[in-house]
Amino acid sequence: MLSRAATATLTAATHGSDPAATLTATIHTAGQVATVLLIVIIAVAFYLFTCLVWPFGKCRRCKGVGKFKSPFGRAYRHCGKCDGSGLRVRVGRHVINHMRAVRGAGENSTTGRGKR
């Protein structure tokens, strides 16, 4: 008789849904979130790896050419955004450079392992 009362209370608390179905739905949702999170982490790691190997991309203003034609089409001028190189530093490379600078600043600290 005690189990019937507990079942009635549990059923009333879940608003008439099956507790096993609710638990199964929660497990499926958690698994889906974990899968999406894993895919995002792999994509970010791959992007940072490509930024490590290829740190530069094409300049967005001049499309990698490094120069513009004059309005009349006879002369060229250098792109002001990339200074005529046609390259820009990718966003991921900025992140890698920042992480290296922070790590280097921590290792060069005089309050830890240094001369005493």
PDB file of N, CA and C in Angstrom:
ATOM      1  N   MET A   1       0.816  -1.182   0.000  1.00  0.00           N
ATOM      2  CA  MET A   1       0.000   0.000   0.000  1.00  0.00           C
ATOM      3  C   MET A   1       0.868   1.257   0.000  1.00  0.00           C
ATOM      4  N   LEU A   2       2.050   1.163   0.577  1.00  0.00           N
ATOM      5  CA  LEU A   2       2.943   2.310   0.630  1.00  0.00           C
ATOM      6  C   LEU A   2       3.440   2.668  -0.760  1.00  0.00           C
ATOM      7  N   SER A   3       3.687   1.675  -1.588  1.00  0.00           N
ATOM      8  CA  SER A   3       4.198   1.958  -2.921  1.00  0.00           C
ATOM      9  C   SER A   3       3.145   2.649  -3.782  1.00  0.00           C
ATOM     10  N   ARG A   4       1.879   2.343  -3.567  1.00  0.00           N
ATOM     11  CA  ARG A   4       0.822   3.013  -4.328  1.00  0.00           C
ATOM     12  C   ARG A   4       0.766   4.487  -3.993  1.00  0.00           C
ATOM     13  N   ALA A   5       0.930   4.840  -2.745  1.00  0.00           N
ATOM     14  CA  ALA A   5       0.880   6.237  -2.334  1.00  0.00           C
ATOM     15  C   ALA A   5       2.081   6.992  -2.904  1.00  0.00           C
ATOM     16  N   ALA A   6       3.226   6.353  -2.866  1.00  0.00           N
ATOM     17  CA  ALA A   6       4.411   7.000  -3.413  1.00  0.00           C
ATOM     18  C   ALA A   6       4.276   7.193  -4.909  1.00  0.00           C
ATOM     19  N   THR A   7       3.701   6.224  -5.594  1.00  0.00           N
ATOM     20  CA  THR A   7       3.499   6.344  -7.035  1.00  0.00           C
ATOM     21  C   THR A   7       2.509   7.451  -7.347  1.00  0.00           C
ATOM     22  N   ALA A   8       1.470   7.547  -6.556  1.00  0.00           N
ATOM     23  CA  ALA A   8       0.473   8.604  -6.773  1.00  0.00           C
ATOM     24  C   ALA A   8       1.097   9.975  -6.544  1.00  0.00           C
ATOM     25  N   THR A   9       1.945  10.107  -5.542  1.00  0.00           N
ATOM     26  CA  THR A   9       2.596  11.386  -5.271  1.00  0.00           C
ATOM     27  C   THR A   9       3.571  11.738  -6.387  1.00  0.00           C
ATOM     28  N   LEU A  10       4.345  10.747  -6.840  1.00  0.00           N
ATOM     29  CA  LEU A  10       5.299  10.990  -7.913  1.00  0.00           C
ATOM     30  C   LEU A  10       4.581  11.357  -9.205  1.00  0.00           C
ATOM     31  N   THR A  11       3.485  10.665  -9.490  1.00  0.00           N
ATOM     32  CA  THR A  11       2.718  10.965 -10.692  1.00  0.00           C
ATOM     33  C   THR A  11       2.115  12.352 -10.599  1.00  0.00           C
ATOM     34  N   ALA A  12       1.636  12.713  -9.448  1.00  0.00           N
ATOM     35  CA  ALA A  12       1.050  14.044  -9.284  1.00  0.00           C
ATOM     36  C   ALA A  12       2.128  15.115  -9.394  1.00  0.00           C
ATOM     37  N   ALA A  13       3.333  14.820  -8.914  1.00  0.00           N
ATOM     38  CA  ALA A  13       4.407  15.805  -8.960  1.00  0.00           C
ATOM     39  C   ALA A  13       4.899  16.044 -10.378  1.00  0.00           C
ATOM     40  N   THR A  14       4.798  15.034 -11.238  1.00  0.00           N
ATOM     41  CA  THR A  14       5.267  15.192 -12.612  1.00  0.00           C
ATOM     42  C   THR A  14       4.135  15.554 -13.561  1.00  0.00           C
ATOM     43  N   HIS A  15       3.015  15.901 -13.019  1.00  0.00           N
ATOM     44  CA  HIS A  15       1.851  16.348 -13.788  1.00  0.00           C
ATOM     45  C   HIS A  15       1.354  15.287 -14.741  1.00  0.00           C
ATOM     46  N   GLY A  16       1.344  14.054 -14.292  1.00  0.00           N
ATOM     47  CA  GLY A  16       0.732  12.991 -15.060  1.00  0.00           C
ATOM     48  C   GLY A  16       1.640  12.331 -16.076  1.00  0.00           C
ATOM     49  N   SER A  17       2.891  12.725 -16.200  1.00  0.00           N
ATOM     50  CA  SER A  17       3.768  12.079 -17.175  1.00  0.00           C
ATOM     51  C   SER A  17       4.461  10.890 -16.536  1.00  0.00           C
ATOM     52  N   ASP A  18       4.938  10.017 -17.355  1.00  0.00           N
ATOM     53  CA  ASP A  18       5.635   8.831 -16.893  1.00  0.00           C
ATOM     54  C   ASP A  18       7.034   9.228 -16.424  1.00  0.00           C
ATOM     55  N   PRO A  19       7.415   8.893 -15.182  1.00  0.00           N
ATOM     56  CA  PRO A  19       8.748   9.291 -14.689  1.00  0.00           C
ATOM     57  C   PRO A  19       9.892   8.691 -15.502  1.00  0.00           C
ATOM     58  N   ALA A  20       9.721   7.493 -15.986  1.00  0.00           N
ATOM     59  CA  ALA A  20      10.783   6.871 -16.786  1.00  0.00           C
ATOM     60  C   ALA A  20      10.964   7.613 -18.105  1.00  0.00           C
ATOM     61  N   ALA A  21       9.866   8.063 -18.690  1.00  0.00           N
ATOM     62  CA  ALA A  21       9.953   8.818 -19.940  1.00  0.00           C
ATOM     63  C   ALA A  21      10.628  10.168 -19.712  1.00  0.00           C
ATOM     64  N   THR A  22      10.330  10.797 -18.582  1.00  0.00           N
ATOM     65  CA  THR A  22      10.962  12.080 -18.267  1.00  0.00           C
ATOM     66  C   THR A  22      12.461  11.906 -18.079  1.00  0.00           C
ATOM     67  N   LEU A  23      12.856  10.856 -17.378  1.00  0.00           N
ATOM     68  CA  LEU A  23      14.282  10.587 -17.166  1.00  0.00           C
ATOM     69  C   LEU A  23      14.975  10.268 -18.492  1.00  0.00           C
ATOM     70  N   THR A  24      14.324   9.496 -19.334  1.00  0.00           N
ATOM     71  CA  THR A  24      14.890   9.159 -20.638  1.00  0.00           C
ATOM     72  C   THR A  24      15.061  10.406 -21.503  1.00  0.00           C
ATOM     73  N   ALA A  25      14.072  11.291 -21.485  1.00  0.00           N
ATOM     74  CA  ALA A  25      14.166  12.531 -22.250  1.00  0.00           C
ATOM     75  C   ALA A  25      15.299  13.406 -21.735  1.00  0.00           C
ATOM     76  N   THR A  26      15.486  13.443 -20.425  1.00  0.00           N
ATOM     77  CA  THR A  26      16.575  14.237 -19.853  1.00  0.00           C
ATOM     78  C   THR A  26      17.926  13.670 -20.249  1.00  0.00           C
ATOM     79  N   ILE A  27      18.036  12.349 -20.251  1.00  0.00           N
ATOM     80  CA  ILE A  27      19.308  11.716 -20.636  1.00  0.00           C
ATOM     81  C   ILE A  27      19.597  11.977 -22.110  1.00  0.00           C
ATOM     82  N   HIS A  28      18.576  11.868 -22.964  1.00  0.00           N
ATOM     83  CA  HIS A  28      18.780  12.145 -24.380  1.00  0.00           C
ATOM     84  C   HIS A  28      19.182  13.599 -24.588  1.00  0.00           C
ATOM     85  N   THR A  29      18.563  14.522 -23.879  1.00  0.00           N
ATOM     86  CA  THR A  29      18.900  15.938 -24.023  1.00  0.00           C
ATOM     87  C   THR A  29      20.331  16.197 -23.561  1.00  0.00           C
ATOM     88  N   ALA A  30      20.735  15.609 -22.443  1.00  0.00           N
ATOM     89  CA  ALA A  30      22.102  15.792 -21.954  1.00  0.00           C
ATOM     90  C   ALA A  30      23.113  15.204 -22.939  1.00  0.00           C
ATOM     91  N   GLY A  31      22.777  14.078 -23.526  1.00  0.00           N
ATOM     92  CA  GLY A  31      23.661  13.474 -24.519  1.00  0.00           C
ATOM     93  C   GLY A  31      23.787  14.329 -25.764  1.00  0.00           C
ATOM     94  N   GLN A  32      22.691  14.923 -26.185  1.00  0.00           N
ATOM     95  CA  GLN A  32      22.728  15.805 -27.352  1.00  0.00           C
ATOM     96  C   GLN A  32      23.553  17.047 -27.068  1.00  0.00           C
ATOM     97  N   VAL A  33      23.406  17.614 -25.877  1.00  0.00           N
ATOM     98  CA  VAL A  33      24.192  18.798 -25.507  1.00  0.00           C
ATOM     99  C   VAL A  33      25.668  18.449 -25.475  1.00  0.00           C
ATOM    100  N   ALA A  34      26.002  17.290 -24.920  1.00  0.00           N
ATOM    101  CA  ALA A  34      27.405  16.864 -24.862  1.00  0.00           C
ATOM    102  C   ALA A  34      27.972  16.653 -26.264  1.00  0.00           C
ATOM    103  N   THR A  35      27.164  16.091 -27.165  1.00  0.00           N
ATOM    104  CA  THR A  35      27.615  15.874 -28.538  1.00  0.00           C
ATOM    105  C   THR A  35      27.871  17.189 -29.254  1.00  0.00           C
ATOM    106  N   VAL A  36      26.949  18.131 -29.111  1.00  0.00           N
ATOM    107  CA  VAL A  36      27.122  19.439 -29.750  1.00  0.00           C
ATOM    108  C   VAL A  36      28.336  20.151 -29.168  1.00  0.00           C
ATOM    109  N   LEU A  37      28.511  20.071 -27.849  1.00  0.00           N
ATOM    110  CA  LEU A  37      29.657  20.706 -27.210  1.00  0.00           C
ATOM    111  C   LEU A  37      30.970  20.094 -27.697  1.00  0.00           C
ATOM    112  N   LEU A  38      30.995  18.793 -27.865  1.00  0.00           N
ATOM    113  CA  LEU A  38      32.195  18.123 -28.379  1.00  0.00           C
ATOM    114  C   LEU A  38      32.502  18.555 -29.810  1.00  0.00           C
ATOM    115  N   ILE A  39      31.477  18.668 -30.637  1.00  0.00           N
ATOM    116  CA  ILE A  39      31.670  19.109 -32.020  1.00  0.00           C
ATOM    117  C   ILE A  39      32.204  20.538 -32.059  1.00  0.00           C
ATOM    118  N   VAL A  40      31.674  21.419 -31.204  1.00  0.00           N
ATOM    119  CA  VAL A  40      32.139  22.813 -31.161  1.00  0.00           C
ATOM    120  C   VAL A  40      33.592  22.871 -30.697  1.00  0.00           C
ATOM    121  N   ILE A  41      33.940  22.093 -29.692  1.00  0.00           N
ATOM    122  CA  ILE A  41      35.321  22.087 -29.192  1.00  0.00           C
ATOM    123  C   ILE A  41      36.279  21.590 -30.274  1.00  0.00           C
ATOM    124  N   ILE A  42      35.900  20.559 -31.001  1.00  0.00           N
ATOM    125  CA  ILE A  42      36.754  20.041 -32.082  1.00  0.00           C
ATOM    126  C   ILE A  42      36.909  21.079 -33.193  1.00  0.00           C
ATOM    127  N   ALA A  43      35.811  21.774 -33.538  1.00  0.00           N
ATOM    128  CA  ALA A  43      35.876  22.791 -34.591  1.00  0.00           C
ATOM    129  C   ALA A  43      36.785  23.951 -34.186  1.00  0.00           C
ATOM    130  N   VAL A  44      36.689  24.397 -32.936  1.00  0.00           N
ATOM    131  CA  VAL A  44      37.541  25.496 -32.465  1.00  0.00           C
ATOM    132  C   VAL A  44      39.002  25.055 -32.426  1.00  0.00           C
ATOM    133  N   ALA A  45      39.266  23.835 -31.978  1.00  0.00           N
ATOM    134  CA  ALA A  45      40.644  23.335 -31.948  1.00  0.00           C
ATOM    135  C   ALA A  45      41.219  23.242 -33.362  1.00  0.00           C
ATOM    136  N   PHE A  46      40.414  22.781 -34.323  1.00  0.00           N
ATOM    137  CA  PHE A  46      40.874  22.698 -35.706  1.00  0.00           C
ATOM    138  C   PHE A  46      41.153  24.091 -36.260  1.00  0.00           C
ATOM    139  N   TYR A  47      40.286  25.073 -35.967  1.00  0.00           N
ATOM    140  CA  TYR A  47      40.505  26.439 -36.442  1.00  0.00           C
ATOM    141  C   TYR A  47      41.782  27.025 -35.843  1.00  0.00           C
ATOM    142  N   LEU A  48      42.008  26.824 -34.549  1.00  0.00           N
ATOM    143  CA  LEU A  48      43.233  27.337 -33.933  1.00  0.00           C
ATOM    144  C   LEU A  48      44.467  26.646 -34.501  1.00  0.00           C
ATOM    145  N   PHE A  49      44.368  25.361 -34.822  1.00  0.00           N
ATOM    146  CA  PHE A  49      45.490  24.665 -35.451  1.00  0.00           C
ATOM    147  C   PHE A  49      45.786  25.258 -36.828  1.00  0.00           C
ATOM    148  N   THR A  50      44.742  25.520 -37.612  1.00  0.00           N
ATOM    149  CA  THR A  50      44.975  26.109 -38.936  1.00  0.00           C
ATOM    150  C   THR A  50      45.544  27.515 -38.806  1.00  0.00           C
ATOM    151  N   CYS A  51      45.146  28.253 -37.779  1.00  0.00           N
ATOM    152  CA  CYS A  51      45.721  29.582 -37.559  1.00  0.00           C
ATOM    153  C   CYS A  51      47.179  29.491 -37.122  1.00  0.00           C
ATOM    154  N   LEU A  52      47.537  28.411 -36.471  1.00  0.00           N
ATOM    155  CA  LEU A  52      48.924  28.200 -36.081  1.00  0.00           C
ATOM    156  C   LEU A  52      49.790  27.905 -37.305  1.00  0.00           C
ATOM    157  N   VAL A  53      49.258  27.121 -38.244  1.00  0.00           N
ATOM    158  CA  VAL A  53      50.000  26.746 -39.439  1.00  0.00           C
ATOM    159  C   VAL A  53      49.986  27.866 -40.477  1.00  0.00           C
ATOM    160  N   TRP A  54      48.812  28.465 -40.708  1.00  0.00           N
ATOM    161  CA  TRP A  54      48.650  29.549 -41.683  1.00  0.00           C
ATOM    162  C   TRP A  54      48.150  30.795 -40.961  1.00  0.00           C
ATOM    163  N   PRO A  55      49.046  31.631 -40.420  1.00  0.00           N
ATOM    164  CA  PRO A  55      48.614  32.760 -39.592  1.00  0.00           C
ATOM    165  C   PRO A  55      48.008  33.930 -40.369  1.00  0.00           C
ATOM    166  N   PHE A  56      48.224  33.979 -41.670  1.00  0.00           N
ATOM    167  CA  PHE A  56      47.748  35.129 -42.436  1.00  0.00           C
ATOM    168  C   PHE A  56      46.622  34.733 -43.377  1.00  0.00           C
ATOM    169  N   GLY A  57      45.719  35.678 -43.579  1.00  0.00           N
ATOM    170  CA  GLY A  57      44.663  35.530 -44.566  1.00  0.00           C
ATOM    171  C   GLY A  57      44.735  36.695 -45.531  1.00  0.00           C
ATOM    172  N   LYS A  58      43.878  36.672 -46.555  1.00  0.00           N
ATOM    173  CA  LYS A  58      43.867  37.774 -47.513  1.00  0.00           C
ATOM    174  C   LYS A  58      43.244  39.010 -46.878  1.00  0.00           C
ATOM    175  N   CYS A  59      43.797  40.173 -47.231  1.00  0.00           N
ATOM    176  CA  CYS A  59      43.218  41.438 -46.778  1.00  0.00           C
ATOM    177  C   CYS A  59      41.806  41.546 -47.345  1.00  0.00           C
ATOM    178  N   ARG A  60      40.880  41.968 -46.506  1.00  0.00           N
ATOM    179  CA  ARG A  60      39.488  42.025 -46.944  1.00  0.00           C
ATOM    180  C   ARG A  60      39.199  43.245 -47.807  1.00  0.00           C
ATOM    181  N   ARG A  61      39.983  44.275 -47.646  1.00  0.00           N
ATOM    182  CA  ARG A  61      39.722  45.493 -48.421  1.00  0.00           C
ATOM    183  C   ARG A  61      40.219  45.366 -49.858  1.00  0.00           C
ATOM    184  N   CYS A  62      41.450  44.884 -50.031  1.00  0.00           N
ATOM    185  CA  CYS A  62      42.015  44.786 -51.386  1.00  0.00           C
ATOM    186  C   CYS A  62      41.934  43.371 -51.953  1.00  0.00           C
ATOM    187  N   LYS A  63      41.352  42.436 -51.182  1.00  0.00           N
ATOM    188  CA  LYS A  63      41.190  41.033 -51.591  1.00  0.00           C
ATOM    189  C   LYS A  63      42.523  40.340 -51.864  1.00  0.00           C
ATOM    190  N   GLY A  64      43.568  40.727 -51.118  1.00  0.00           N
ATOM    191  CA  GLY A  64      44.856  40.069 -51.213  1.00  0.00           C
ATOM    192  C   GLY A  64      45.780  40.593 -52.285  1.00  0.00           C
ATOM    193  N   VAL A  65      45.351  41.585 -53.054  1.00  0.00           N
ATOM    194  CA  VAL A  65      46.190  42.120 -54.127  1.00  0.00           C
ATOM    195  C   VAL A  65      47.230  43.084 -53.562  1.00  0.00           C
ATOM    196  N   GLY A  66      46.844  43.887 -52.580  1.00  0.00           N
ATOM    197  CA  GLY A  66      47.773  44.836 -51.968  1.00  0.00           C
ATOM    198  C   GLY A  66      47.738  46.210 -52.578  1.00  0.00           C
ATOM    199  N   LYS A  67      46.949  46.380 -53.622  1.00  0.00           N
ATOM    200  CA  LYS A  67      46.887  47.693 -54.271  1.00  0.00           C
ATOM    201  C   LYS A  67      45.499  47.904 -54.875  1.00  0.00           C
ATOM    202  N   PHE A  68      45.229  49.174 -55.134  1.00  0.00           N
ATOM    203  CA  PHE A  68      43.975  49.578 -55.765  1.00  0.00           C
ATOM    204  C   PHE A  68      44.285  50.344 -57.038  1.00  0.00           C
ATOM    205  N   LYS A  69      43.382  50.264 -57.980  1.00  0.00           N
ATOM    206  CA  LYS A  69      43.502  51.101 -59.175  1.00  0.00           C
ATOM    207  C   LYS A  69      42.941  52.481 -58.871  1.00  0.00           C
ATOM    208  N   SER A  70      43.500  53.462 -59.508  1.00  0.00           N
ATOM    209  CA  SER A  70      42.971  54.811 -59.345  1.00  0.00           C
ATOM    210  C   SER A  70      41.592  54.893 -60.010  1.00  0.00           C
ATOM    211  N   PRO A  71      40.842  55.932 -59.702  1.00  0.00           N
ATOM    212  CA  PRO A  71      39.505  56.030 -60.296  1.00  0.00           C
ATOM    213  C   PRO A  71      39.516  56.081 -61.822  1.00  0.00           C
ATOM    214  N   PHE A  72      40.579  56.580 -62.427  1.00  0.00           N
ATOM    215  CA  PHE A  72      40.638  56.677 -63.880  1.00  0.00           C
ATOM    216  C   PHE A  72      41.318  55.463 -64.515  1.00  0.00           C
ATOM    217  N   GLY A  73      41.841  54.532 -63.698  1.00  0.00           N
ATOM    218  CA  GLY A  73      42.360  53.276 -64.197  1.00  0.00           C
ATOM    219  C   GLY A  73      43.777  53.293 -64.709  1.00  0.00           C
ATOM    220  N   ARG A  74      44.541  54.364 -64.504  1.00  0.00           N
ATOM    221  CA  ARG A  74      45.909  54.409 -65.022  1.00  0.00           C
ATOM    222  C   ARG A  74      46.954  54.098 -63.953  1.00  0.00           C
ATOM    223  N   ALA A  75      46.715  54.496 -62.714  1.00  0.00           N
ATOM    224  CA  ALA A  75      47.722  54.340 -61.658  1.00  0.00           C
ATOM    225  C   ALA A  75      47.196  53.416 -60.559  1.00  0.00           C
ATOM    226  N   TYR A  76      48.138  52.911 -59.791  1.00  0.00           N
ATOM    227  CA  TYR A  76      47.801  52.080 -58.638  1.00  0.00           C
ATOM    228  C   TYR A  76      48.257  52.779 -57.376  1.00  0.00           C
ATOM    229  N   ARG A  77      47.604  52.447 -56.273  1.00  0.00           N
ATOM    230  CA  ARG A  77      48.062  52.907 -54.967  1.00  0.00           C
ATOM    231  C   ARG A  77      48.006  51.729 -54.013  1.00  0.00           C
ATOM    232  N   HIS A  78      48.829  51.782 -52.970  1.00  0.00           N
ATOM    233  CA  HIS A  78      48.877  50.692 -51.996  1.00  0.00           C
ATOM    234  C   HIS A  78      47.657  50.732 -51.095  1.00  0.00           C
ATOM    235  N   CYS A  79      47.221  49.550 -50.683  1.00  0.00           N
ATOM    236  CA  CYS A  79      46.097  49.428 -49.756  1.00  0.00           C
ATOM    237  C   CYS A  79      46.537  49.974 -48.391  1.00  0.00           C
ATOM    238  N   GLY A  80      45.732  50.839 -47.817  1.00  0.00           N
ATOM    239  CA  GLY A  80      46.070  51.427 -46.523  1.00  0.00           C
ATOM    240  C   GLY A  80      45.847  50.479 -45.360  1.00  0.00           C
ATOM    241  N   LYS A  81      44.982  49.507 -45.537  1.00  0.00           N
ATOM    242  CA  LYS A  81      44.677  48.575 -44.447  1.00  0.00           C
ATOM    243  C   LYS A  81      45.814  47.578 -44.223  1.00  0.00           C
ATOM    244  N   CYS A  82      46.384  47.053 -45.299  1.00  0.00           N
ATOM    245  CA  CYS A  82      47.453  46.043 -45.175  1.00  0.00           C
ATOM    246  C   CYS A  82      48.821  46.605 -45.540  1.00  0.00           C
ATOM    247  N   ASP A  83      48.917  47.875 -45.837  1.00  0.00           N
ATOM    248  CA  ASP A  83      50.166  48.537 -46.245  1.00  0.00           C
ATOM    249  C   ASP A  83      50.770  47.895 -47.491  1.00  0.00           C
ATOM    250  N   GLY A  84      49.930  47.411 -48.373  1.00  0.00           N
ATOM    251  CA  GLY A  84      50.395  46.880 -49.642  1.00  0.00           C
ATOM    252  C   GLY A  84      50.843  45.438 -49.618  1.00  0.00           C
ATOM    253  N   SER A  85      50.761  44.770 -48.478  1.00  0.00           N
ATOM    254  CA  SER A  85      51.198  43.371 -48.420  1.00  0.00           C
ATOM    255  C   SER A  85      50.123  42.414 -48.930  1.00  0.00           C
ATOM    256  N   GLY A  86      48.862  42.794 -48.815  1.00  0.00           N
ATOM    257  CA  GLY A  86      47.767  41.914 -49.217  1.00  0.00           C
ATOM    258  C   GLY A  86      47.394  40.901 -48.159  1.00  0.00           C
ATOM    259  N   LEU A  87      48.028  40.971 -46.982  1.00  0.00           N
ATOM    260  CA  LEU A  87      47.790  39.996 -45.919  1.00  0.00           C
ATOM    261  C   LEU A  87      47.227  40.657 -44.675  1.00  0.00           C
ATOM    262  N   ARG A  88      46.551  39.855 -43.874  1.00  0.00           N
ATOM    263  CA  ARG A  88      46.068  40.282 -42.568  1.00  0.00           C
ATOM    264  C   ARG A  88      46.285  39.133 -41.594  1.00  0.00           C
ATOM    265  N   VAL A  89      46.410  39.450 -40.320  1.00  0.00           N
ATOM    266  CA  VAL A  89      46.554  38.417 -39.300  1.00  0.00           C
ATOM    267  C   VAL A  89      45.158  37.905 -38.965  1.00  0.00           C
ATOM    268  N   ARG A  90      44.992  36.591 -38.975  1.00  0.00           N
ATOM    269  CA  ARG A  90      43.690  35.995 -38.703  1.00  0.00           C
ATOM    270  C   ARG A  90      43.317  36.150 -37.230  1.00  0.00           C
ATOM    271  N   VAL A  91      42.031  36.115 -36.933  1.00  0.00           N
ATOM    272  CA  VAL A  91      41.532  36.308 -35.571  1.00  0.00           C
ATOM    273  C   VAL A  91      42.077  35.218 -34.647  1.00  0.00           C
ATOM    274  N   GLY A  92      42.094  33.992 -35.105  1.00  0.00           N
ATOM    275  CA  GLY A  92      42.608  32.897 -34.285  1.00  0.00           C
ATOM    276  C   GLY A  92      44.078  33.071 -33.949  1.00  0.00           C
ATOM    277  N   ARG A  93      44.841  33.661 -34.860  1.00  0.00           N
ATOM    278  CA  ARG A  93      46.259  33.899 -34.578  1.00  0.00           C
ATOM    279  C   ARG A  93      46.426  34.983 -33.518  1.00  0.00           C
ATOM    280  N   HIS A  94      45.523  35.974 -33.516  1.00  0.00           N
ATOM    281  CA  HIS A  94      45.543  36.976 -32.446  1.00  0.00           C
ATOM    282  C   HIS A  94      45.308  36.300 -31.090  1.00  0.00           C
ATOM    283  N   VAL A  95      44.396  35.333 -31.043  1.00  0.00           N
ATOM    284  CA  VAL A  95      44.118  34.603 -29.805  1.00  0.00           C
ATOM    285  C   VAL A  95      45.344  33.808 -29.378  1.00  0.00           C
ATOM    286  N   ILE A  96      45.989  33.120 -30.310  1.00  0.00           N
ATOM    287  CA  ILE A  96      47.196  32.346 -29.991  1.00  0.00           C
ATOM    288  C   ILE A  96      48.300  33.265 -29.487  1.00  0.00           C
ATOM    289  N   ASN A  97      48.506  34.403 -30.140  1.00  0.00           N
ATOM    290  CA  ASN A  97      49.537  35.351 -29.703  1.00  0.00           C
ATOM    291  C   ASN A  97      49.239  35.865 -28.301  1.00  0.00           C
ATOM    292  N   HIS A  98      47.971  36.128 -28.009  1.00  0.00           N
ATOM    293  CA  HIS A  98      47.597  36.614 -26.678  1.00  0.00           C
ATOM    294  C   HIS A  98      47.860  35.542 -25.622  1.00  0.00           C
ATOM    295  N   MET A  99      47.514  34.284 -25.920  1.00  0.00           N
ATOM    296  CA  MET A  99      47.753  33.205 -24.957  1.00  0.00           C
ATOM    297  C   MET A  99      49.242  33.023 -24.705  1.00  0.00           C
ATOM    298  N   ARG A 100      50.057  33.141 -25.746  1.00  0.00           N
ATOM    299  CA  ARG A 100      51.514  33.031 -25.569  1.00  0.00           C
ATOM    300  C   ARG A 100      52.066  34.185 -24.743  1.00  0.00           C
ATOM    301  N   ALA A 101      51.538  35.388 -24.959  1.00  0.00           N
ATOM    302  CA  ALA A 101      52.016  36.546 -24.203  1.00  0.00           C
ATOM    303  C   ALA A 101      51.653  36.426 -22.718  1.00  0.00           C
ATOM    304  N   VAL A 102      50.461  35.952 -22.431  1.00  0.00           N
ATOM    305  CA  VAL A 102      50.045  35.785 -21.039  1.00  0.00           C
ATOM    306  C   VAL A 102      50.877  34.704 -20.369  1.00  0.00           C
ATOM    307  N   ARG A 103      51.115  33.612 -21.066  1.00  0.00           N
ATOM    308  CA  ARG A 103      51.939  32.540 -20.501  1.00  0.00           C
ATOM    309  C   ARG A 103      53.371  33.021 -20.285  1.00  0.00           C
ATOM    310  N   GLY A 104      53.906  33.763 -21.228  1.00  0.00           N
ATOM    311  CA  GLY A 104      55.265  34.282 -21.095  1.00  0.00           C
ATOM    312  C   GLY A 104      55.386  35.279 -19.969  1.00  0.00           C
ATOM    313  N   ALA A 105      54.348  36.078 -19.750  1.00  0.00           N
ATOM    314  CA  ALA A 105      54.376  37.053 -18.659  1.00  0.00           C
ATOM    315  C   ALA A 105      54.371  36.349 -17.314  1.00  0.00           C
ATOM    316  N   GLY A 106      53.688  35.222 -17.232  1.00  0.00           N
ATOM    317  CA  GLY A 106      53.669  34.462 -15.978  1.00  0.00           C
ATOM    318  C   GLY A 106      54.985  33.796 -15.689  1.00  0.00           C
ATOM    319  N   GLU A 107      55.679  33.333 -16.707  1.00  0.00           N
ATOM    320  CA  GLU A 107      56.964  32.684 -16.511  1.00  0.00           C
ATOM    321  C   GLU A 107      58.064  33.683 -16.217  1.00  0.00           C
ATOM    322  N   ASN A 108      57.910  34.915 -16.658  1.00  0.00           N
ATOM    323  CA  ASN A 108      58.938  35.918 -16.447  1.00  0.00           C
ATOM    324  C   ASN A 108      58.723  36.710 -15.170  1.00  0.00           C
ATOM    325  N   SER A 109      57.798  36.288 -14.353  1.00  0.00           N
ATOM    326  CA  SER A 109      57.481  37.010 -13.138  1.00  0.00           C
ATOM    327  C   SER A 109      58.646  36.938 -12.146  1.00  0.00           C
ATOM    328  N   THR A 110      58.886  38.001 -11.420  1.00  0.00           N
ATOM    329  CA  THR A 110      59.981  38.042 -10.447  1.00  0.00           C
ATOM    330  C   THR A 110      59.533  37.592  -9.079  1.00  0.00           C
ATOM    331  N   THR A 111      58.225  37.355  -8.880  1.00  0.00           N
ATOM    332  CA  THR A 111      57.750  36.977  -7.554  1.00  0.00           C
ATOM    333  C   THR A 111      57.788  35.484  -7.333  1.00  0.00           C
ATOM    334  N   GLY A 112      58.056  34.697  -8.338  1.00  0.00           N
ATOM    335  CA  GLY A 112      58.024  33.238  -8.182  1.00  0.00           C
ATOM    336  C   GLY A 112      59.393  32.647  -8.175  1.00  0.00           C
ATOM    337  N   ARG A 113      59.712  31.933  -9.244  1.00  0.00           N
ATOM    338  CA  ARG A 113      60.968  31.202  -9.347  1.00  0.00           C
ATOM    339  C   ARG A 113      62.046  32.088  -9.925  1.00  0.00           C
ATOM    340  N   GLY A 114      62.523  32.981  -9.359  1.00  0.00           N
ATOM    341  CA  GLY A 114      63.571  33.806  -9.940  1.00  0.00           C
ATOM    342  C   GLY A 114      64.732  33.950  -9.000  1.00  0.00           C
ATOM    343  N   LYS A 115      65.509  34.980  -9.205  1.00  0.00           N
ATOM    344  CA  LYS A 115      66.635  35.252  -8.316  1.00  0.00           C
ATOM    345  C   LYS A 115      66.094  35.726  -6.982  1.00  0.00           C
ATOM    346  N   ARG A 116      66.758  35.318  -5.913  1.00  0.00           N
ATOM    347  CA  ARG A 116      66.324  35.750  -4.585  1.00  0.00           C
ATOM    348  C   ARG A 116      67.394  36.527  -3.911  1.00  0.00           C
TER     349      ARG A 116
END
